[in-house]
Structure formats: C-alpha cells, structure tokens
C-alpha cells in the first residue's frame, strides 16, 4: 500500500449531487440500530470528567472512536463505526468530548481540534483494561486529534496506529472555509453551538462571565476571547499553530491513515499535504474526489466507505 494511494471510492449515490448533500444527507438518513452502550464516567486529573461509552464483548483488542465538533457518541458515523467493528472482533470505547455527553462539564474548557490531553487520558484508561491491542479511529475533529496524538508523543507499544477521517491539517484554514459565503450556514451553526456550550456553564466561572458572547461573530473572536484563555495559550497565533496537526506530522512513528475527500466543504488546500505525506515513513493517505465531510456514502449499503477503508488498512498494514 503506497503512502498516497488511488481511491476506490468512485461511485457515490446519484442523489448526492454536491459536497453539501454528501455531508448533510447521511446525517439525516442514517438511523443506526442495534448499538447499545455501557456508560462509564472517567474522572480526570484536573478535576473534570469524560463520559465513555463501551461495547464490551470480551475481545482482546480495543478500538477507541472519537467524534467531531459539536458531536457525540450518538452521531450516526460513530455508532455505525462502533457497530461495524464490534462485528469484527473489536471491543469499542466511544468517548464524548467535554460538554458533549448531555451534561455540562465542571471546568470552563471544552475541546478543540488540537486538544490531545483528553484523548491521551482515554487511551491510558483503555490500556488499564488489559487489551493486547488498541487502535484509534478519529472522525472529523477527533481525526485531527488522532494525527496530532501520534505526532507529539510516544504512545504505548500496544497502541498500534490510527485511522483519521476528514482531517483539518490546518485549523486556521478550516475556520476560513467555514466562514465563506457557501459554507456560512455550517460556520454559524458551529459557532453558535460552541457559544451555547460555554454559556451553559457561564454562571459557574468568572472567566466566562467577562465575555460578551452576543458580540462574538467569528471563530477568531471566540478563540481570542475564550479559547486561548481557557486552554492557556499566549495568543491567537500560538493557538492556531498548536491546534493544527500538520505541525506534528514529522513525529508520527507508527502507521496512521488519513482519508480526506477533495470536495470536503470544510477543508482548504492546506488540508491535502501530499508532498509532506508522500515522503513520510508511517503516514498514509487517500484523497478521493468525492465524499464530503464524514460522508463517503455507499449506495444501498448499511456501511460507508470509511469503515471499509479503515478495515482494509488494519488488515493490510497494521496486521501485516
């Protein structure tokens, strides 16, 4: 398998006539049945918590699945992946980012595309459960976290690698895309959603009480007034740099696969770093012409191309 390979995702459903349809329609039509989680609350070292959703079948290998911004473990793409891989002899640990599990978290901080402390805590918790093998499946925002995780720290040898879908290699690039005229509806929805999550905990935190959320009209404003403060960054430039996984690719020391559609409405040109990837020993990529954002719908199939591509990567590279 070459580091950048030709895509076999070439036939999307006829009714998905553009990238926006490819992104939106799967979330509306996919109602994944038969996924039953067992919830566990993981207490964190900083006094906050994460809610984890398990599917335990007694297997010796564990797949950790993360969701996108404003998502959770009930999103169709998470449940579909959980169902697919639980049928293939994996136990599943799907985790909710702070504030995404249905209960507001204790501290002011939420999450962002480069926040890997919580992912690391989840992986370390999985390692305590006695699994022989662990694999990370990151979707959208958590795909960015997955790439950065493997690039910035030496993971335990039992963590074999990862598969990341719809990865924003540059967070600044993605915020620009989200605020274009064609993507304005997405951008407004995500921005308002993040503001609502912060407002839900405003009464408990003086830092958030100082922010006039009604006046925040862009991601730059939100990040400058809130994100850099709750996460402890020096300024906006440092935030965007450290939140962008492209700056950590060089450190990846085990197989990681990136699946990005060329027509993803959230990804600009910086999110297809072919020159950087083709010379890398461990980073694999596939950039199909179609797919949208976490879409990759297959006609008349319960599954998407994402699950099949991840399964193929595991069989051909991880288990080689």
Protein backbone atom coordinates (compact mmCIF):
# COMPACT_ATOMS: atom_id res chain seq x y z
CA UNK A 1 0.00 0.00 0.00
CA UNK A 2 1.66 3.27 -1.10
CA UNK A 3 1.67 6.24 1.26
CA UNK A 4 -0.71 8.12 -1.05
CA UNK A 5 -2.92 5.66 -2.84
CA UNK A 6 -5.54 5.90 -5.58
CA UNK A 7 -9.04 5.81 -4.17
CA UNK A 8 -11.52 3.05 -4.81
CA UNK A 9 -14.36 5.33 -3.67
CA UNK A 10 -15.55 6.34 -7.10
CA UNK A 11 -19.32 5.75 -7.11
CA UNK A 12 -21.43 7.90 -4.79
CA UNK A 13 -25.25 7.73 -4.73
CA UNK A 14 -26.77 9.62 -7.66
CA UNK A 15 -28.92 11.84 -5.45
CA UNK A 16 -25.93 13.32 -3.59
CA UNK A 17 -25.41 15.96 -6.24
CA UNK A 18 -22.77 18.07 -4.47
CA UNK A 19 -20.45 18.15 -1.47
CA UNK A 20 -23.07 19.73 0.77
CA UNK A 21 -25.54 16.95 0.02
CA UNK A 22 -22.79 14.39 0.62
CA UNK A 23 -22.16 15.95 4.02
CA UNK A 24 -25.71 16.66 5.23
CA UNK A 25 -27.88 13.85 3.85
CA UNK A 26 -26.06 10.95 5.60
CA UNK A 27 -26.64 12.60 8.97
CA UNK A 28 -30.36 12.90 8.19
CA UNK A 29 -30.97 9.45 6.70
CA UNK A 30 -28.72 7.18 8.77
CA UNK A 31 -30.52 5.73 11.77
CA UNK A 32 -28.11 3.13 13.14
CA UNK A 33 -29.90 0.37 15.03
CA UNK A 34 -28.59 -2.25 17.42
CA UNK A 35 -25.86 -0.25 19.18
CA UNK A 36 -26.14 -0.46 22.97
CA UNK A 37 -23.50 1.32 25.00
CA UNK A 38 -22.46 0.87 28.61
CA UNK A 39 -21.51 4.28 30.05
CA UNK A 40 -18.56 4.93 32.31
CA UNK A 41 -17.50 8.25 33.80
CA UNK A 42 -13.75 8.80 33.70
CA UNK A 43 -12.51 11.26 36.32
CA UNK A 44 -9.63 13.40 35.06
CA UNK A 45 -6.56 14.67 36.87
CA UNK A 46 -7.70 18.31 36.58
CA UNK A 47 -10.98 17.61 38.39
CA UNK A 48 -13.18 17.34 35.33
CA UNK A 49 -14.64 14.21 33.70
CA UNK A 50 -15.26 12.45 30.40
CA UNK A 51 -18.18 10.14 29.67
CA UNK A 52 -17.15 6.96 27.86
CA UNK A 53 -19.49 4.60 26.02
CA UNK A 54 -18.40 0.97 25.80
CA UNK A 55 -19.33 -2.10 23.80
CA UNK A 56 -17.63 -4.98 25.60
CA UNK A 57 -17.69 -8.43 24.05
CA UNK A 58 -14.62 -9.92 25.71
CA UNK A 59 -12.27 -9.33 22.78
CA UNK A 60 -8.55 -8.76 23.31
CA UNK A 61 -8.34 -5.71 21.09
CA UNK A 62 -9.95 -2.31 21.60
CA UNK A 63 -10.97 0.35 19.11
CA UNK A 64 -11.26 3.89 20.50
CA UNK A 65 -13.63 6.06 18.46
CA UNK A 66 -13.87 9.86 18.67
CA UNK A 67 -16.45 12.26 17.23
CA UNK A 68 -16.44 15.66 15.55
CA UNK A 69 -17.00 19.17 16.91
CA UNK A 70 -20.48 19.58 18.38
CA UNK A 71 -20.95 15.81 18.05
CA UNK A 72 -21.15 12.93 20.50
CA UNK A 73 -21.14 9.14 20.58
CA UNK A 74 -24.74 9.01 19.34
CA UNK A 75 -23.85 10.55 15.99
CA UNK A 76 -24.56 8.17 13.13
CA UNK A 77 -20.94 7.95 11.98
CA UNK A 78 -19.75 6.94 15.46
CA UNK A 79 -22.48 4.37 16.06
CA UNK A 80 -22.07 2.93 12.56
CA UNK A 81 -18.32 2.51 13.08
CA UNK A 82 -18.91 1.03 16.52
CA UNK A 83 -21.37 -1.48 15.07
CA UNK A 84 -19.13 -2.36 12.13
CA UNK A 85 -16.01 -3.06 14.18
CA UNK A 86 -17.79 -4.74 17.08
CA UNK A 87 -18.82 -7.34 14.48
CA UNK A 88 -15.13 -7.75 13.60
CA UNK A 89 -13.83 -8.84 16.98
CA UNK A 90 -13.15 -5.43 18.49
CA UNK A 91 -14.34 -4.11 21.81
CA UNK A 92 -15.39 -0.49 21.41
CA UNK A 93 -14.69 2.60 23.50
CA UNK A 94 -16.51 5.62 22.05
CA UNK A 95 -15.75 8.77 24.01
CA UNK A 96 -17.52 12.09 24.41
CA UNK A 97 -15.53 15.31 24.47
CA UNK A 98 -16.12 17.61 27.42
CA UNK A 99 -19.62 19.03 27.41
CA UNK A 100 -20.85 16.68 24.66
CA UNK A 101 -22.32 13.78 26.65
CA UNK A 102 -25.55 15.50 27.67
CA UNK A 103 -24.14 17.04 30.85
CA UNK A 104 -22.10 20.22 31.10
CA UNK A 105 -18.61 19.57 32.40
CA UNK A 106 -17.16 21.18 35.53
CA UNK A 107 -14.36 23.36 34.20
CA UNK A 108 -14.57 26.23 31.68
CA UNK A 109 -12.62 24.37 28.98
CA UNK A 110 -14.34 22.37 26.28
CA UNK A 111 -12.33 20.96 23.35
CA UNK A 112 -10.65 21.88 20.08
CA UNK A 113 -9.03 20.16 17.10
CA UNK A 114 -5.58 20.05 18.70
CA UNK A 115 -6.61 19.14 22.25
CA UNK A 116 -4.95 15.78 22.91
CA UNK A 117 -4.74 15.65 26.71
CA UNK A 118 -8.21 14.15 26.95
CA UNK A 119 -7.56 11.67 24.14
CA UNK A 120 -4.38 10.64 25.94
CA UNK A 121 -6.35 10.11 29.16
CA UNK A 122 -8.84 7.92 27.28
CA UNK A 123 -6.08 5.85 25.69
CA UNK A 124 -4.31 5.42 29.02
CA UNK A 125 -7.57 4.28 30.59
CA UNK A 126 -8.04 1.77 27.79
CA UNK A 127 -4.55 0.45 28.45
CA UNK A 128 -5.50 -0.35 32.04
CA UNK A 129 -8.28 -2.67 30.87
CA UNK A 130 -5.94 -5.47 29.77
CA UNK A 131 -6.26 -5.23 25.98
CA UNK A 132 -3.45 -6.61 23.85
CA UNK A 133 -4.03 -4.15 21.01
CA UNK A 134 -5.54 -0.66 20.77
CA UNK A 135 -6.39 1.23 17.58
CA UNK A 136 -7.69 4.81 17.25
CA UNK A 137 -10.44 5.82 14.85
CA UNK A 138 -10.84 9.60 14.70
CA UNK A 139 -13.67 11.23 12.79
CA UNK A 140 -13.57 14.93 11.84
CA UNK A 141 -12.25 16.89 14.86
CA UNK A 142 -11.10 13.72 16.61
CA UNK A 143 -9.29 12.74 13.41
CA UNK A 144 -7.15 15.86 13.82
CA UNK A 145 -6.56 14.93 17.45
CA UNK A 146 -5.57 11.41 16.41
CA UNK A 147 -2.94 12.62 13.92
CA UNK A 148 -1.52 15.08 16.45
CA UNK A 149 -1.56 12.49 19.25
CA UNK A 150 0.73 10.15 17.33
CA UNK A 151 2.95 13.03 16.25
CA UNK A 152 3.59 14.70 19.58
CA UNK A 153 4.20 11.82 21.98
CA UNK A 154 5.49 8.28 22.10
CA UNK A 155 2.45 6.06 22.54
CA UNK A 156 2.46 2.74 24.32
CA UNK A 157 3.55 -0.17 22.10
CA UNK A 158 0.09 -1.73 22.40
CA UNK A 159 -1.39 1.30 20.58
CA UNK A 160 -0.85 0.08 17.03
CA UNK A 161 -1.88 3.10 14.98
CA UNK A 162 -4.84 5.13 13.82
CA UNK A 163 -7.28 5.97 11.06
CA UNK A 164 -8.43 9.58 10.69
CA UNK A 165 -11.28 10.88 8.51
CA UNK A 166 -11.95 14.42 7.27
CA UNK A 167 -8.83 15.82 8.89
CA UNK A 168 -8.23 19.55 9.11
CA UNK A 169 -4.45 19.67 8.97
CA UNK A 170 -4.69 23.45 9.43
CA UNK A 171 -7.34 24.72 11.84
CA UNK A 172 -6.96 28.29 10.59
CA UNK A 173 -7.59 27.06 7.06
CA UNK A 174 -10.76 25.32 8.22
CA UNK A 175 -12.10 28.37 10.07
CA UNK A 176 -11.63 30.38 6.88
CA UNK A 177 -13.54 27.75 4.89
CA UNK A 178 -16.34 27.63 7.48
CA UNK A 179 -16.91 31.36 7.16
CA UNK A 180 -17.07 31.58 3.36
CA UNK A 181 -20.35 32.51 1.72
CA UNK A 182 -21.06 28.95 0.58
CA UNK A 183 -20.31 27.46 3.99
CA UNK A 184 -21.76 30.25 6.10
CA UNK A 185 -24.63 28.12 7.39
CA UNK A 186 -22.23 25.49 8.74
CA UNK A 187 -19.97 28.10 10.29
CA UNK A 188 -22.82 29.90 12.01
CA UNK A 189 -24.22 26.63 13.36
CA UNK A 190 -20.88 25.54 14.82
CA UNK A 191 -20.07 28.97 16.22
CA UNK A 192 -23.46 29.30 17.89
CA UNK A 193 -23.22 25.77 19.23
CA UNK A 194 -19.87 26.45 20.88
CA UNK A 195 -21.17 29.70 22.34
CA UNK A 196 -24.17 27.86 23.80
CA UNK A 197 -21.90 25.27 25.41
CA UNK A 198 -19.85 27.99 27.08
CA UNK A 199 -22.96 29.90 28.12
CA UNK A 200 -24.34 26.77 29.80
CA UNK A 201 -21.51 26.98 32.35
CA UNK A 202 -21.08 30.74 32.48
CA UNK A 203 -22.68 31.20 35.91
CA UNK A 204 -20.06 28.92 37.48
CA UNK A 205 -16.94 30.53 36.05
CA UNK A 206 -15.77 34.13 36.41
CA UNK A 207 -13.61 33.85 33.29
CA UNK A 208 -16.68 33.21 31.13
CA UNK A 209 -18.73 35.91 32.87
CA UNK A 210 -16.32 38.52 31.49
CA UNK A 211 -17.14 37.57 27.90
CA UNK A 212 -19.97 39.22 25.94
CA UNK A 213 -20.92 36.23 23.81
CA UNK A 214 -23.60 38.22 21.94
CA UNK A 215 -20.86 40.32 20.35
CA UNK A 216 -18.81 37.34 19.15
CA UNK A 217 -19.43 36.94 15.41
CA UNK A 218 -16.46 34.87 14.22
CA UNK A 219 -14.25 31.97 15.22
CA UNK A 220 -11.28 34.31 15.58
CA UNK A 221 -13.22 36.37 18.10
CA UNK A 222 -14.34 33.30 20.04
CA UNK A 223 -10.86 31.84 20.09
CA UNK A 224 -9.25 35.14 21.07
CA UNK A 225 -11.71 35.92 23.85
CA UNK A 226 -12.31 32.41 25.16
CA UNK A 227 -10.24 29.53 23.75
CA UNK A 228 -6.76 30.95 24.31
CA UNK A 229 -7.70 31.81 27.90
CA UNK A 230 -9.32 28.56 28.97
CA UNK A 231 -6.57 26.50 27.32
CA UNK A 232 -3.69 28.73 28.40
CA UNK A 233 -2.31 29.85 25.03
CA UNK A 234 -0.24 33.03 24.70
CA UNK A 235 -2.15 34.43 21.72
CA UNK A 236 -4.23 33.51 18.69
CA UNK A 237 -1.21 32.62 16.56
CA UNK A 238 0.04 30.11 19.13
CA UNK A 239 -3.46 28.62 19.42
CA UNK A 240 -3.84 28.05 15.69
CA UNK A 241 -0.33 26.66 15.38
CA UNK A 242 -0.65 24.17 18.23
CA UNK A 243 -4.21 23.23 17.26
CA UNK A 244 -3.12 22.26 13.72
CA UNK A 245 -1.90 18.68 13.40
CA UNK A 246 0.17 19.46 10.29
CA UNK A 247 2.93 20.76 12.59
CA UNK A 248 3.22 17.38 14.34
CA UNK A 249 3.28 15.02 11.36
CA UNK A 250 7.06 14.60 11.45
CA UNK A 251 6.91 12.86 14.84
CA UNK A 252 4.49 10.08 13.82
CA UNK A 253 6.22 6.76 14.50
CA UNK A 254 3.58 4.16 13.63
CA UNK A 255 1.01 3.69 10.85
CA UNK A 256 -1.66 6.39 10.59
CA UNK A 257 -4.07 6.73 7.68
CA UNK A 258 -5.85 9.94 6.60
CA UNK A 259 -8.99 9.85 4.43
CA UNK A 260 -9.93 13.32 3.11
CA UNK A 261 -12.39 13.96 0.30
CA UNK A 262 -11.22 16.53 -2.22
CA UNK A 263 -14.69 18.11 -2.13
CA UNK A 264 -14.91 18.39 1.66
CA UNK A 265 -16.57 21.78 2.23
CA UNK A 266 -14.54 22.42 5.40
CA UNK A 267 -11.08 21.65 4.06
CA UNK A 268 -8.92 24.10 2.12
CA UNK A 269 -5.79 23.34 0.10
CA UNK A 270 -3.58 23.10 3.19
CA UNK A 271 -5.54 20.03 4.27
CA UNK A 272 -4.13 17.90 1.43
CA UNK A 273 -0.36 18.00 2.13
CA UNK A 274 0.67 15.43 -0.47
CA UNK A 275 4.34 16.40 -0.53
CA UNK A 276 4.58 16.06 3.23
CA UNK A 277 2.83 12.70 3.25
CA UNK A 278 4.49 11.00 0.30
CA UNK A 279 7.93 11.25 1.94
CA UNK A 280 6.70 10.02 5.32
CA UNK A 281 7.50 6.53 6.56
CA UNK A 282 4.31 5.98 8.55
CA UNK A 283 1.64 8.38 7.27
CA UNK A 284 -0.75 7.02 4.64
CA UNK A 285 -3.44 8.96 2.80
CA UNK A 286 -6.28 8.70 0.35
CA UNK A 287 -7.88 11.77 -1.21
CA UNK A 288 -10.98 10.68 -3.17
CA UNK A 289 -12.66 13.14 -5.49
CA UNK A 290 -15.96 12.74 -3.63
CA UNK A 291 -17.09 12.05 -0.08
CA UNK A 292 -17.99 15.37 1.51
CA UNK A 293 -17.26 15.77 5.21
CA UNK A 294 -17.50 12.43 7.07
CA UNK A 295 -19.83 11.25 4.31
CA UNK A 296 -18.46 8.63 1.87
CA UNK A 297 -21.89 7.06 1.38
CA UNK A 298 -22.11 3.75 -0.48
CA UNK A 299 -25.34 3.14 -2.45
CA UNK A 300 -27.69 0.60 -0.85
CA UNK A 301 -25.24 -0.26 1.94
CA UNK A 302 -25.56 -0.21 5.71
CA UNK A 303 -21.91 0.89 5.87
CA UNK A 304 -19.91 3.74 4.43
CA UNK A 305 -16.59 3.69 2.62
CA UNK A 306 -14.91 4.91 5.83
CA UNK A 307 -15.44 1.64 7.69
CA UNK A 308 -14.28 -0.49 4.77
CA UNK A 309 -11.18 1.64 4.21
CA UNK A 310 -10.25 1.51 7.91
CA UNK A 311 -10.77 -2.26 7.99
CA UNK A 312 -8.59 -2.70 4.90
CA UNK A 313 -5.84 -0.56 6.42
CA UNK A 314 -5.88 -2.63 9.59
CA UNK A 315 -5.66 -5.88 7.68
CA UNK A 316 -3.07 -4.80 5.10
CA UNK A 317 -0.80 -2.61 7.22
CA UNK A 318 -1.45 -2.94 10.95
CA UNK A 319 -1.80 -6.73 10.98
CA UNK A 320 0.76 -7.35 8.25
